[in-house]
N, C-alpha and C. Protein backbone atom coordinates (compact mmCIF):
# COMPACT_ATOMS: atom_id res chain seq x y z
N MET A 1 -20.66 -0.66 -26.88
CA MET A 1 -19.82 -0.97 -26.14
C MET A 1 -19.05 0.74 -26.49
N LYS A 2 -18.65 1.54 -25.58
CA LYS A 2 -17.73 2.56 -25.40
C LYS A 2 -16.93 2.90 -25.00
N ILE A 3 -15.96 2.97 -25.75
CA ILE A 3 -14.42 3.10 -25.12
C ILE A 3 -14.18 5.26 -25.65
N ALA A 4 -14.30 5.50 -23.61
CA ALA A 4 -13.72 7.19 -23.82
C ALA A 4 -12.32 7.39 -24.18
N ASP A 5 -12.87 8.80 -24.71
CA ASP A 5 -10.80 9.15 -25.55
C ASP A 5 -10.20 9.88 -24.02
N SER A 6 -9.25 9.82 -23.64
CA SER A 6 -8.06 9.94 -22.92
C SER A 6 -7.19 10.48 -23.42
N ARG A 7 -6.44 11.78 -22.82
CA ARG A 7 -5.45 12.83 -23.28
C ARG A 7 -4.05 11.98 -23.20
N ILE A 8 -3.99 10.70 -22.33
CA ILE A 8 -2.76 9.87 -22.01
C ILE A 8 -3.12 8.50 -22.12
N LYS A 9 -2.43 8.01 -23.46
CA LYS A 9 -2.83 6.57 -23.25
C LYS A 9 -2.06 5.60 -22.94
N PRO A 10 -2.27 4.86 -22.24
CA PRO A 10 -1.09 3.65 -21.31
C PRO A 10 -0.05 3.20 -22.91
N THR A 11 1.20 2.82 -22.86
CA THR A 11 2.16 2.07 -23.43
C THR A 11 2.53 0.74 -23.15
N PHE A 12 2.86 0.06 -24.06
CA PHE A 12 4.09 -0.76 -23.36
C PHE A 12 5.74 -0.69 -23.48
N GLU A 13 5.91 0.71 -23.70
CA GLU A 13 7.11 0.91 -24.16
C GLU A 13 8.07 0.46 -22.29
N LEU A 14 7.53 1.18 -21.24
CA LEU A 14 8.53 0.68 -19.91
C LEU A 14 8.62 -0.90 -20.01
N GLU A 15 7.54 -1.67 -20.41
CA GLU A 15 7.67 -2.97 -20.15
C GLU A 15 8.79 -3.97 -21.45
N ALA A 16 8.48 -2.90 -22.28
CA ALA A 16 9.33 -3.55 -23.61
C ALA A 16 10.70 -2.98 -23.39
N ALA A 17 10.86 -2.26 -22.86
CA ALA A 17 12.68 -1.77 -22.24
C ALA A 17 13.48 -2.67 -21.54
N GLU A 18 12.18 -2.81 -20.62
CA GLU A 18 12.85 -4.10 -19.44
C GLU A 18 13.26 -5.38 -20.03
N LEU A 19 12.31 -5.73 -20.61
CA LEU A 19 11.90 -7.28 -21.49
C LEU A 19 13.24 -7.03 -22.41
N GLN A 20 13.83 -5.60 -23.08
CA GLN A 20 14.78 -5.82 -24.24
C GLN A 20 16.13 -5.94 -22.81
N LEU A 21 16.49 -5.34 -22.12
CA LEU A 21 17.36 -5.63 -21.29
C LEU A 21 17.28 -6.74 -20.34
N GLY A 22 16.46 -7.86 -20.61
CA GLY A 22 16.55 -8.86 -20.24
C GLY A 22 15.86 -9.53 -18.79
N PHE A 23 15.34 -8.09 -18.52
CA PHE A 23 14.70 -8.12 -17.24
C PHE A 23 13.24 -8.12 -16.74
N GLY A 24 12.90 -9.47 -17.72
CA GLY A 24 11.86 -9.83 -17.70
C GLY A 24 11.02 -11.41 -17.00
N PRO A 25 9.92 -11.75 -17.01
CA PRO A 25 8.77 -11.08 -17.51
C PRO A 25 8.43 -10.05 -16.17
N VAL A 26 7.76 -8.83 -16.58
CA VAL A 26 7.16 -7.51 -15.94
C VAL A 26 5.77 -7.51 -15.62
N ALA A 27 5.44 -7.67 -14.50
CA ALA A 27 4.13 -8.04 -14.40
C ALA A 27 3.02 -5.96 -13.86
N GLY A 28 1.91 -6.15 -14.28
CA GLY A 28 1.82 -4.32 -13.85
C GLY A 28 0.29 -4.85 -12.62
N VAL A 29 0.32 -3.99 -11.86
CA VAL A 29 -0.54 -4.43 -10.66
C VAL A 29 -1.35 -3.14 -10.27
N ASP A 30 -2.40 -3.57 -9.98
CA ASP A 30 -3.63 -1.74 -9.31
C ASP A 30 -4.50 -2.55 -8.67
N GLU A 31 -5.82 -1.71 -8.25
CA GLU A 31 -6.50 -2.41 -7.23
C GLU A 31 -7.61 -1.99 -7.73
N ALA A 32 -8.87 -2.27 -7.45
CA ALA A 32 -10.12 -1.74 -7.34
C ALA A 32 -10.56 -1.80 -5.44
N GLY A 33 -11.29 -0.52 -5.48
CA GLY A 33 -12.19 -0.67 -4.26
C GLY A 33 -11.31 -0.09 -3.15
N ARG A 34 -10.60 0.99 -2.75
CA ARG A 34 -9.96 1.79 -1.82
C ARG A 34 -11.11 2.37 -0.77
N GLY A 35 -11.98 3.24 -1.85
CA GLY A 35 -12.75 4.08 -1.67
C GLY A 35 -14.25 3.75 -0.93
N PRO A 36 -14.84 2.59 -1.30
CA PRO A 36 -16.13 2.27 -1.28
C PRO A 36 -16.59 2.44 0.12
N TRP A 37 -17.50 2.37 0.61
CA TRP A 37 -18.41 2.61 2.10
C TRP A 37 -18.16 0.61 2.17
N ALA A 38 -18.15 -0.11 1.33
CA ALA A 38 -18.66 -1.33 1.95
C ALA A 38 -17.79 -2.65 0.91
N GLY A 39 -17.79 -4.10 1.26
CA GLY A 39 -17.38 -4.63 0.24
C GLY A 39 -15.70 -4.79 0.00
N PRO A 40 -14.85 -5.68 -0.15
CA PRO A 40 -13.87 -6.29 -0.40
C PRO A 40 -12.80 -5.25 -1.27
N VAL A 41 -11.31 -4.93 -0.61
CA VAL A 41 -10.24 -4.33 -2.36
C VAL A 41 -9.94 -5.19 -2.63
N VAL A 42 -10.06 -5.19 -4.03
CA VAL A 42 -9.63 -6.50 -4.80
C VAL A 42 -8.32 -5.74 -5.84
N ALA A 43 -6.80 -6.76 -5.75
CA ALA A 43 -5.92 -6.45 -6.57
C ALA A 43 -5.91 -7.22 -7.73
N ALA A 44 -4.84 -6.69 -8.53
CA ALA A 44 -4.84 -8.24 -9.88
C ALA A 44 -3.21 -7.58 -10.00
N ALA A 45 -2.91 -8.63 -10.63
CA ALA A 45 -1.93 -8.66 -11.45
C ALA A 45 -1.62 -9.20 -12.36
N VAL A 46 -0.83 -8.80 -13.75
CA VAL A 46 -1.04 -8.87 -15.55
C VAL A 46 0.39 -9.20 -15.53
N ILE A 47 0.97 -10.51 -16.55
CA ILE A 47 1.64 -10.17 -17.05
C ILE A 47 1.34 -10.45 -18.31
N LEU A 48 1.62 -9.52 -19.35
CA LEU A 48 1.33 -9.50 -20.71
C LEU A 48 2.32 -9.90 -21.97
N ASP A 49 1.96 -11.09 -22.83
CA ASP A 49 2.65 -11.35 -23.51
C ASP A 49 2.26 -10.64 -24.47
N PRO A 50 3.86 -9.64 -24.71
CA PRO A 50 4.26 -8.40 -26.39
C PRO A 50 3.70 -9.21 -27.74
N ASN A 51 3.75 -10.37 -27.53
CA ASN A 51 3.05 -10.70 -28.86
C ASN A 51 1.85 -11.08 -29.29
N LYS A 52 0.90 -10.83 -28.20
CA LYS A 52 -0.62 -11.01 -27.93
C LYS A 52 -1.43 -10.52 -27.02
N ILE A 53 -0.98 -9.07 -26.98
CA ILE A 53 -1.63 -8.18 -26.60
C ILE A 53 -2.39 -7.19 -26.96
N PRO A 54 -3.81 -7.55 -26.75
CA PRO A 54 -5.20 -6.85 -26.60
C PRO A 54 -5.18 -5.77 -27.31
N ALA A 55 -6.03 -5.37 -28.32
CA ALA A 55 -5.98 -4.02 -28.34
C ALA A 55 -6.86 -3.19 -27.42
N SER A 56 -6.45 -2.00 -27.38
CA SER A 56 -7.90 -1.04 -26.78
C SER A 56 -7.71 -1.21 -25.25
N ILE A 57 -6.52 -1.74 -24.67
CA ILE A 57 -6.79 -1.64 -23.22
C ILE A 57 -5.80 -0.02 -22.68
N ASP A 58 -6.86 0.25 -21.68
CA ASP A 58 -6.68 1.55 -21.23
C ASP A 58 -6.93 1.48 -20.03
N ASP A 59 -6.92 2.83 -19.07
CA ASP A 59 -7.22 2.53 -17.44
C ASP A 59 -8.38 2.40 -17.29
N SER A 60 -9.43 1.66 -16.91
CA SER A 60 -10.25 1.39 -16.34
C SER A 60 -11.16 2.34 -16.24
N LYS A 61 -10.96 3.37 -16.04
CA LYS A 61 -12.12 4.54 -15.34
C LYS A 61 -12.09 5.18 -16.66
N ALA A 62 -11.70 5.06 -17.50
CA ALA A 62 -12.05 5.58 -19.16
C ALA A 62 -12.84 4.68 -19.82
N LEU A 63 -12.78 3.72 -19.38
CA LEU A 63 -13.80 2.26 -20.34
C LEU A 63 -15.23 2.60 -19.39
N ASP A 64 -16.19 2.45 -20.28
CA ASP A 64 -17.23 2.33 -19.45
C ASP A 64 -17.71 0.26 -19.45
N GLU A 65 -18.68 0.14 -19.01
CA GLU A 65 -18.94 -1.50 -18.19
C GLU A 65 -18.64 -2.33 -19.51
N ASP A 66 -19.24 -2.16 -20.65
CA ASP A 66 -19.37 -2.93 -21.54
C ASP A 66 -17.56 -3.26 -21.92
N ALA A 67 -17.15 -2.24 -22.21
CA ALA A 67 -16.12 -1.66 -23.01
C ALA A 67 -14.96 -3.09 -21.46
N ARG A 68 -15.12 -2.74 -20.67
CA ARG A 68 -14.30 -3.67 -19.39
C ARG A 68 -14.38 -4.95 -19.60
N ALA A 69 -15.89 -5.19 -19.57
CA ALA A 69 -16.26 -7.20 -19.79
C ALA A 69 -15.34 -7.20 -20.98
N PHE A 70 -15.64 -6.68 -21.92
CA PHE A 70 -14.81 -7.19 -23.09
C PHE A 70 -13.34 -7.19 -23.60
N LEU A 71 -12.72 -6.40 -22.77
CA LEU A 71 -11.50 -6.62 -22.38
C LEU A 71 -11.11 -7.74 -21.51
N TYR A 72 -11.78 -7.88 -20.26
CA TYR A 72 -11.66 -8.38 -19.28
C TYR A 72 -11.43 -9.64 -20.32
N ASN A 73 -12.30 -10.03 -20.97
CA ASN A 73 -12.39 -11.48 -21.53
C ASN A 73 -11.36 -11.81 -22.29
N ARG A 74 -10.60 -10.72 -23.20
CA ARG A 74 -9.66 -11.06 -23.90
C ARG A 74 -8.46 -11.03 -23.45
N ILE A 75 -7.94 -10.62 -22.30
CA ILE A 75 -6.61 -10.13 -21.57
C ILE A 75 -6.89 -11.36 -20.73
N VAL A 76 -7.46 -12.27 -19.96
CA VAL A 76 -7.98 -13.49 -19.76
C VAL A 76 -6.86 -14.25 -20.77
N LYS A 77 -7.47 -14.01 -21.49
CA LYS A 77 -7.23 -15.59 -22.60
C LYS A 77 -5.92 -15.22 -23.25
N VAL A 78 -5.26 -14.10 -22.97
CA VAL A 78 -3.97 -13.99 -23.49
C VAL A 78 -2.64 -13.96 -21.93
N ALA A 79 -2.54 -13.64 -21.18
CA ALA A 79 -1.83 -12.75 -20.28
C ALA A 79 -1.95 -13.76 -18.70
N GLY A 80 -0.98 -13.45 -18.27
CA GLY A 80 -1.03 -14.32 -16.62
C GLY A 80 -1.69 -13.32 -16.01
N ILE A 81 -2.38 -13.94 -15.04
CA ILE A 81 -3.55 -13.31 -14.58
C ILE A 81 -3.35 -13.73 -12.58
N GLY A 82 -3.23 -12.36 -11.75
CA GLY A 82 -3.18 -13.10 -10.46
C GLY A 82 -3.99 -12.30 -9.81
N VAL A 83 -4.91 -12.39 -8.58
CA VAL A 83 -6.03 -12.14 -8.27
C VAL A 83 -6.03 -12.00 -6.35
N GLY A 84 -5.88 -10.98 -5.87
CA GLY A 84 -5.86 -10.72 -4.35
C GLY A 84 -7.11 -10.13 -3.34
N ILE A 85 -7.90 -10.83 -3.25
CA ILE A 85 -8.69 -10.19 -2.29
C ILE A 85 -8.40 -9.71 -0.82
N ALA A 86 -8.68 -8.62 -0.33
CA ALA A 86 -8.88 -8.22 1.03
C ALA A 86 -10.00 -8.07 1.38
N ASP A 87 -10.60 -9.14 2.20
CA ASP A 87 -11.91 -8.66 2.93
C ASP A 87 -12.46 -7.72 3.92
N VAL A 88 -13.18 -7.25 4.13
CA VAL A 88 -13.77 -5.92 5.25
C VAL A 88 -13.05 -6.05 6.12
N ALA A 89 -13.21 -7.36 6.87
CA ALA A 89 -12.37 -7.71 8.40
C ALA A 89 -10.76 -7.34 8.46
N ARG A 90 -10.10 -7.92 7.45
CA ARG A 90 -8.49 -7.31 6.72
C ARG A 90 -9.03 -5.29 6.76
N ILE A 91 -9.20 -5.11 6.09
CA ILE A 91 -9.53 -3.89 5.79
C ILE A 91 -9.59 -3.35 7.28
N ASP A 92 -11.19 -3.52 8.41
CA ASP A 92 -10.99 -2.72 9.58
C ASP A 92 -9.45 -2.97 10.95
N ARG A 93 -9.43 -4.29 10.43
CA ARG A 93 -8.17 -4.29 11.14
C ARG A 93 -7.07 -3.75 10.70
N ASP A 94 -6.18 -3.86 9.38
CA ASP A 94 -5.07 -3.20 8.81
C ASP A 94 -5.30 -2.03 8.59
N ASN A 95 -6.34 -1.19 8.32
CA ASN A 95 -6.93 -0.23 7.52
C ASN A 95 -6.60 -0.61 5.97
N ILE A 96 -7.33 0.87 5.22
CA ILE A 96 -6.93 0.12 3.64
C ILE A 96 -6.43 0.25 3.18
N LEU A 97 -5.08 0.89 3.43
CA LEU A 97 -3.80 0.78 2.76
C LEU A 97 -3.13 -0.22 2.68
N GLY A 98 -3.10 -0.61 4.33
CA GLY A 98 -2.25 -2.03 4.59
C GLY A 98 -3.38 -2.88 3.70
N ALA A 99 -4.62 -3.37 3.87
CA ALA A 99 -5.02 -4.51 3.32
C ALA A 99 -5.19 -4.47 1.82
N THR A 100 -4.98 -3.22 1.13
CA THR A 100 -4.53 -3.23 -0.52
C THR A 100 -2.99 -3.57 -0.82
N LEU A 101 -1.82 -3.27 0.31
CA LEU A 101 -0.87 -3.82 -0.35
C LEU A 101 -1.07 -5.33 -0.19
N TRP A 102 -1.47 -5.77 0.78
CA TRP A 102 -1.61 -6.68 1.30
C TRP A 102 -2.14 -7.94 -0.13
N ALA A 103 -3.20 -7.33 -0.26
CA ALA A 103 -4.10 -8.06 -1.48
C ALA A 103 -3.10 -8.03 -2.70
N MET A 104 -2.46 -6.78 -3.05
CA MET A 104 -1.42 -7.00 -4.12
C MET A 104 -0.48 -7.61 -4.02
N GLY A 105 0.08 -7.51 -3.05
CA GLY A 105 1.24 -8.93 -2.66
C GLY A 105 0.75 -10.47 -2.65
N GLU A 106 -0.81 -10.79 -2.92
CA GLU A 106 -1.45 -12.39 -2.90
C GLU A 106 -1.23 -11.78 -4.21
N ALA A 107 -2.03 -10.96 -5.05
CA ALA A 107 -2.25 -11.46 -6.76
C ALA A 107 -0.69 -11.49 -7.35
N VAL A 108 0.00 -11.16 -7.13
CA VAL A 108 1.54 -11.28 -7.58
C VAL A 108 1.81 -12.85 -6.88
N ALA A 109 1.68 -13.14 -5.95
CA ALA A 109 1.91 -14.62 -5.71
C ALA A 109 1.27 -15.60 -6.32
N ALA A 110 -0.01 -15.33 -6.70
CA ALA A 110 -0.98 -16.04 -7.71
C ALA A 110 -0.47 -16.13 -8.86
N LEU A 111 0.24 -15.29 -9.69
CA LEU A 111 0.95 -15.48 -10.61
C LEU A 111 1.10 -16.71 -11.12
N GLY A 112 0.98 -17.36 -12.45
CA GLY A 112 1.60 -18.72 -12.52
C GLY A 112 3.01 -18.78 -13.06
N GLU A 113 3.54 -17.33 -13.09
CA GLU A 113 4.97 -17.30 -13.31
C GLU A 113 5.74 -16.19 -12.42
N LYS A 114 7.00 -16.55 -12.14
CA LYS A 114 7.40 -15.25 -11.13
C LYS A 114 7.72 -14.24 -12.02
N PRO A 115 7.36 -13.20 -11.89
CA PRO A 115 8.36 -11.67 -12.09
C PRO A 115 8.93 -11.33 -12.07
N ASN A 116 10.34 -11.00 -12.79
CA ASN A 116 11.35 -10.29 -12.27
C ASN A 116 11.40 -8.98 -12.15
N LEU A 117 10.03 -8.16 -12.30
CA LEU A 117 9.79 -6.46 -11.53
C LEU A 117 8.76 -6.44 -11.80
N VAL A 118 7.80 -5.65 -11.06
CA VAL A 118 6.75 -5.49 -10.75
C VAL A 118 6.62 -4.14 -10.72
N LEU A 119 5.40 -3.39 -11.45
CA LEU A 119 5.64 -2.17 -11.37
C LEU A 119 3.84 -1.91 -10.94
N ILE A 120 4.07 -1.56 -10.23
CA ILE A 120 2.30 -0.83 -9.10
C ILE A 120 2.37 0.45 -9.62
N ASP A 121 1.11 0.51 -9.52
CA ASP A 121 0.21 1.76 -9.64
C ASP A 121 0.01 2.74 -8.21
N GLY A 122 0.57 4.29 -8.19
CA GLY A 122 0.63 4.73 -7.18
C GLY A 122 2.28 5.03 -6.79
N ASN A 123 1.65 5.31 -5.28
CA ASN A 123 3.34 5.50 -5.08
C ASN A 123 3.87 5.02 -4.05
N LYS A 124 3.14 3.60 -3.22
CA LYS A 124 3.11 2.69 -2.16
C LYS A 124 3.53 1.98 -3.08
N ALA A 125 3.91 0.23 -2.24
CA ALA A 125 4.19 -0.59 -2.58
C ALA A 125 4.18 -2.03 -2.14
N PRO A 126 4.09 -2.87 -1.55
CA PRO A 126 4.36 -4.10 -0.99
C PRO A 126 5.48 -4.35 -0.63
N ARG A 127 5.35 -5.31 -0.15
CA ARG A 127 7.01 -6.31 0.23
C ARG A 127 6.82 -7.17 -0.60
N LEU A 128 7.69 -7.04 -1.49
CA LEU A 128 8.09 -8.43 -2.24
C LEU A 128 9.25 -8.71 -2.44
N ALA A 129 9.28 -10.33 -2.97
CA ALA A 129 10.58 -10.67 -3.12
C ALA A 129 11.30 -10.56 -4.51
N MET A 130 10.73 -9.65 -5.09
CA MET A 130 11.57 -8.95 -6.30
C MET A 130 11.59 -7.35 -6.58
N PRO A 131 12.25 -6.94 -7.02
CA PRO A 131 12.20 -5.32 -7.20
C PRO A 131 10.92 -5.18 -7.88
N THR A 132 10.64 -3.78 -7.14
CA THR A 132 9.29 -3.17 -7.66
C THR A 132 9.46 -1.87 -8.15
N ARG A 133 8.38 -1.46 -9.02
CA ARG A 133 8.61 0.51 -8.75
C ARG A 133 7.13 1.07 -8.94
N THR A 134 6.89 1.67 -8.18
CA THR A 134 5.81 2.57 -8.25
C THR A 134 5.54 3.95 -9.01
N ILE A 135 4.69 3.53 -10.07
CA ILE A 135 4.27 4.56 -11.27
C ILE A 135 2.92 5.36 -10.50
N VAL A 136 2.77 6.81 -10.74
CA VAL A 136 1.72 7.38 -9.98
C VAL A 136 1.02 7.69 -11.53
N LYS A 137 -0.29 7.52 -11.03
CA LYS A 137 -1.02 7.43 -12.50
C LYS A 137 -0.91 6.28 -13.42
N GLY A 138 0.16 5.20 -12.76
CA GLY A 138 0.47 4.45 -13.46
C GLY A 138 -0.66 3.59 -14.62
N ASP A 139 -2.04 3.46 -14.53
CA ASP A 139 -2.94 2.60 -15.32
C ASP A 139 -3.28 3.42 -16.45
N ALA A 140 -3.16 4.77 -16.33
CA ALA A 140 -3.21 5.56 -17.54
C ALA A 140 -2.03 6.10 -18.38
N LYS A 141 -0.90 5.36 -17.69
CA LYS A 141 0.92 5.20 -18.88
C LYS A 141 1.00 3.71 -18.79
N CYS A 142 0.53 3.08 -18.38
CA CYS A 142 1.48 1.24 -18.36
C CYS A 142 0.39 0.26 -18.80
N LEU A 143 0.31 -0.49 -19.71
CA LEU A 143 -0.19 -1.46 -20.71
C LEU A 143 -0.52 -2.19 -19.36
N SER A 144 0.23 -2.86 -18.91
CA SER A 144 -0.05 -3.90 -17.83
C SER A 144 -0.48 -3.25 -16.66
N ILE A 145 -0.48 -2.45 -16.01
CA ILE A 145 -1.31 -1.87 -15.03
C ILE A 145 -2.45 -1.12 -15.65
N ALA A 146 -2.66 -1.12 -16.66
CA ALA A 146 -3.86 -0.70 -17.05
C ALA A 146 -4.77 -1.75 -16.89
N ALA A 147 -4.06 -2.55 -17.61
CA ALA A 147 -4.76 -4.60 -18.00
C ALA A 147 -4.99 -4.83 -16.39
N ALA A 148 -4.20 -4.63 -15.64
CA ALA A 148 -4.39 -5.14 -14.03
C ALA A 148 -5.40 -4.72 -13.68
N SER A 149 -5.86 -3.04 -14.08
CA SER A 149 -7.31 -2.43 -13.59
C SER A 149 -7.89 -2.99 -13.78
N ILE A 150 -8.35 -3.00 -15.22
CA ILE A 150 -9.15 -3.99 -15.83
C ILE A 150 -10.06 -5.12 -15.04
N ILE A 151 -8.93 -6.05 -15.00
CA ILE A 151 -9.07 -7.29 -14.20
C ILE A 151 -9.58 -7.08 -12.83
N ALA A 152 -9.12 -6.11 -11.76
CA ALA A 152 -9.27 -5.92 -10.67
C ALA A 152 -10.85 -4.86 -10.17
N LYS A 153 -11.12 -4.64 -11.18
CA LYS A 153 -12.28 -3.88 -11.26
C LYS A 153 -13.34 -4.12 -11.93
N VAL A 154 -13.50 -5.38 -12.56
CA VAL A 154 -14.20 -5.98 -12.91
C VAL A 154 -14.72 -7.64 -11.97
N THR A 155 -13.41 -7.95 -11.45
CA THR A 155 -13.73 -9.34 -10.61
C THR A 155 -14.89 -8.15 -9.34
N ARG A 156 -14.13 -7.08 -8.90
CA ARG A 156 -14.64 -6.80 -7.83
C ARG A 156 -16.19 -5.96 -7.98
N ASP A 157 -16.02 -5.82 -9.35
CA ASP A 157 -18.01 -5.34 -9.23
C ASP A 157 -18.69 -6.70 -9.92
N ARG A 158 -18.23 -7.87 -9.90
CA ARG A 158 -19.22 -9.04 -10.13
C ARG A 158 -19.16 -9.52 -8.91
N MET A 159 -18.26 -9.37 -7.99
CA MET A 159 -18.23 -9.60 -6.59
C MET A 159 -19.25 -9.00 -5.94
N MET A 160 -19.40 -8.26 -5.76
CA MET A 160 -20.17 -7.06 -5.09
C MET A 160 -22.07 -7.03 -5.94
N MET A 161 -21.90 -7.72 -7.23
CA MET A 161 -23.10 -7.84 -7.82
C MET A 161 -23.96 -9.13 -7.31
N GLN A 162 -23.03 -9.95 -7.02
CA GLN A 162 -22.91 -11.50 -6.23
C GLN A 162 -23.65 -11.21 -4.85
N LEU A 163 -22.76 -10.36 -3.88
CA LEU A 163 -22.91 -9.55 -2.54
C LEU A 163 -24.19 -8.92 -2.37
N ALA A 164 -24.65 -8.31 -3.31
CA ALA A 164 -25.87 -7.83 -3.46
C ALA A 164 -27.63 -9.12 -3.31
N ARG A 165 -26.92 -10.02 -3.66
CA ARG A 165 -28.21 -11.29 -3.19
C ARG A 165 -28.62 -11.52 -2.13
N GLU A 166 -26.89 -11.62 -1.54
CA GLU A 166 -27.19 -12.04 -0.44
C GLU A 166 -27.43 -10.92 0.97
N TYR A 167 -27.50 -9.22 0.32
CA TYR A 167 -27.74 -8.22 1.06
C TYR A 167 -28.66 -6.98 0.22
N PRO A 168 -29.88 -7.55 0.29
CA PRO A 168 -31.20 -7.01 -0.96
C PRO A 168 -31.06 -5.99 -0.42
N GLY A 169 -31.49 -5.03 -1.10
CA GLY A 169 -32.01 -3.31 -0.62
C GLY A 169 -30.80 -2.25 -0.69
N TYR A 170 -29.80 -2.96 -0.56
CA TYR A 170 -29.07 -1.89 -0.21
C TYR A 170 -28.33 -1.28 -1.76
N GLY A 171 -28.48 -1.74 -2.77
CA GLY A 171 -28.57 -1.61 -4.00
C GLY A 171 -26.79 -1.93 -4.67
N PHE A 172 -26.23 -2.65 -3.61
CA PHE A 172 -24.82 -3.04 -4.33
C PHE A 172 -24.30 -3.41 -5.53
N GLU A 173 -25.73 -4.00 -6.35
CA GLU A 173 -25.48 -4.02 -7.31
C GLU A 173 -25.20 -3.21 -8.73
N ARG A 174 -25.82 -1.93 -8.20
CA ARG A 174 -25.07 -0.61 -8.87
C ARG A 174 -24.43 0.58 -8.35
N HIS A 175 -24.50 0.36 -6.88
CA HIS A 175 -23.32 1.60 -6.70
C HIS A 175 -21.89 0.77 -6.09
N LYS A 176 -21.73 -0.46 -5.97
CA LYS A 176 -20.85 -1.28 -5.47
C LYS A 176 -20.37 -1.03 -4.42
N GLY A 177 -20.73 -0.31 -3.76
CA GLY A 177 -20.59 -0.23 -2.43
C GLY A 177 -19.83 1.49 -2.25
N TYR A 178 -19.66 1.78 -3.25
CA TYR A 178 -19.54 3.23 -3.11
C TYR A 178 -20.43 4.08 -2.12
N GLY A 179 -19.92 5.45 -2.09
CA GLY A 179 -20.73 5.85 -0.96
C GLY A 179 -21.17 7.61 -1.68
N THR A 180 -22.60 6.72 -2.55
CA THR A 180 -23.55 7.38 -3.34
C THR A 180 -24.77 7.80 -2.03
N PRO A 181 -25.70 8.54 -2.28
CA PRO A 181 -26.27 8.97 -2.06
C PRO A 181 -27.58 7.86 -2.41
N GLU A 182 -27.81 7.19 -2.64
CA GLU A 182 -29.04 5.90 -2.86
C GLU A 182 -27.98 4.56 -1.59
N HIS A 183 -26.83 4.84 -1.37
CA HIS A 183 -26.21 3.95 -0.66
C HIS A 183 -26.44 5.13 0.84
N GLN A 184 -26.91 5.74 0.69
CA GLN A 184 -26.62 6.60 2.12
C GLN A 184 -27.84 6.45 2.77
N SER A 185 -28.83 6.10 1.71
CA SER A 185 -30.56 6.63 1.97
C SER A 185 -30.86 4.91 2.24
N ALA A 186 -29.73 3.85 1.63
CA ALA A 186 -30.20 2.64 2.20
C ALA A 186 -29.57 1.95 3.80
N ILE A 187 -28.57 3.00 3.57
CA ILE A 187 -28.27 2.74 5.23
C ILE A 187 -28.97 3.73 6.39
N ASN A 188 -29.08 4.65 5.89
CA ASN A 188 -30.65 5.05 6.74
C ASN A 188 -31.62 4.51 7.19
N LYS A 189 -32.40 3.83 5.97
CA LYS A 189 -33.67 2.95 6.35
C LYS A 189 -33.09 1.87 6.66
N LEU A 190 -31.82 1.11 6.67
CA LEU A 190 -31.75 -0.12 6.59
C LEU A 190 -30.70 -0.34 8.02
N GLY A 191 -29.59 0.26 8.11
CA GLY A 191 -29.29 0.53 8.66
C GLY A 191 -27.62 0.10 8.21
N VAL A 192 -26.56 -0.61 9.13
CA VAL A 192 -25.41 -0.88 8.80
C VAL A 192 -25.46 -2.80 8.31
N CYS A 193 -24.60 -3.57 7.48
CA CYS A 193 -24.72 -4.44 7.44
C CYS A 193 -23.36 -4.92 7.43
N ASP A 194 -22.92 -6.57 7.66
CA ASP A 194 -21.37 -7.24 7.48
C ASP A 194 -20.69 -6.20 6.55
N LEU A 195 -21.44 -6.34 5.41
CA LEU A 195 -20.17 -5.75 4.77
C LEU A 195 -19.87 -4.60 4.31
N HIS A 196 -20.52 -3.45 5.22
CA HIS A 196 -19.78 -2.39 5.81
C HIS A 196 -18.18 -2.18 6.51
N ARG A 197 -17.78 -1.37 5.91
CA ARG A 197 -16.60 -1.06 6.24
C ARG A 197 -16.17 -0.10 8.18
N ARG A 198 -16.33 -0.49 8.83
CA ARG A 198 -16.39 -0.18 10.33
C ARG A 198 -15.34 0.67 10.83
N SER A 199 -14.27 0.87 10.01
CA SER A 199 -13.36 1.78 9.98
C SER A 199 -13.45 2.94 9.45
N PHE A 200 -14.31 3.01 8.50
CA PHE A 200 -14.81 3.86 7.56
C PHE A 200 -15.42 4.87 8.30
N LYS A 201 -15.42 6.44 8.33
CA LYS A 201 -15.83 7.79 8.36
C LYS A 201 -17.66 7.83 8.57
N PRO A 202 -17.97 7.00 7.29
CA PRO A 202 -19.97 7.45 7.07
C PRO A 202 -20.49 6.70 8.00
N VAL A 203 -19.59 5.18 7.87
CA VAL A 203 -20.39 3.77 8.16
C VAL A 203 -20.07 4.39 9.98
N GLN A 204 -19.04 4.70 10.42
CA GLN A 204 -18.85 5.13 12.16
C GLN A 204 -20.38 6.01 12.31
N LEU A 205 -20.42 7.26 11.24
CA LEU A 205 -21.50 7.50 12.15
C LEU A 205 -22.81 7.00 12.09
N ALA A 206 -23.05 6.19 10.73
CA ALA A 206 -24.68 5.60 10.82
C ALA A 206 -24.16 4.59 12.28
N LEU A 207 -23.71 4.32 12.74
CA LEU A 207 -23.74 3.64 14.35
C LEU A 207 -23.59 4.16 15.36
N GLY A 208 -23.59 5.32 14.92
CA GLY A 208 -23.42 6.35 16.18
C GLY A 208 -22.40 6.27 16.67
N LEU A 209 -21.19 5.81 16.31
CA LEU A 209 -19.60 6.13 17.04
C LEU A 209 -18.87 7.26 16.88
N LEU A 210 -19.59 8.09 16.46
CA LEU A 210 -18.53 9.45 15.97
C LEU A 210 -19.43 11.03 16.36
C-alpha cells in the first residue's frame, strides 16, 4: 500500500473550530465521476468523530487503490456516512453539474444525523436545509471532505467494476469510464452502450450527432 506525499495535507482545523463554537456536527461532501464518459456520478457525505479519526486520510487523488480501500474500511467503521448516486439518465437530463449537486443533496439526506454545517468541495453547493460552505480544493484541505472523497471514489470504482460484468469488452473495470485510449478504442469497436453519457461530446461524436 502506497500513500503519496502531498504538499498540502488536509486537517481537522475548520471542523474543530465549528465544533468548539457549538455548530457541530459538521459534514464534508465530495463527489467522484464528473469527468468520465460513462457511468454514474457518486457523492458522499461524511461526519467524522473527532475522537476516532483514522490516520492518513488524504485527498483520494493522492492515494493509490490499496490505500483508498484501506481507509474506506476504517472510515465506514467510525464515521457517519451518506451516499448519493446520480445515474446516466439524470446526468443527460440535468447536465453533469446539476446531477452532481443533486447527488450531493442525496448524500447529505442519507446521513444518520443531520449536520449543522456542510462543507462542500468546489465552488458550487446544492440547496440544503442547513448552512453550507464551499471550499475550492477542499479535499486537499479539509479532513471531512477528504474522507468523503475516499468514500465516493471507492464506491464508484466498485460500481464500475460490477457494471463491467454487465457490459464486457469496454474495460470499465480498468478505466472506470474515463476517456482513455482503451475506452475510445472499445467505443470504436463496440459502439456506445447504455452506460455512456450521451450529453458528453466524445459520445455524441461516436453516435454521429456532431
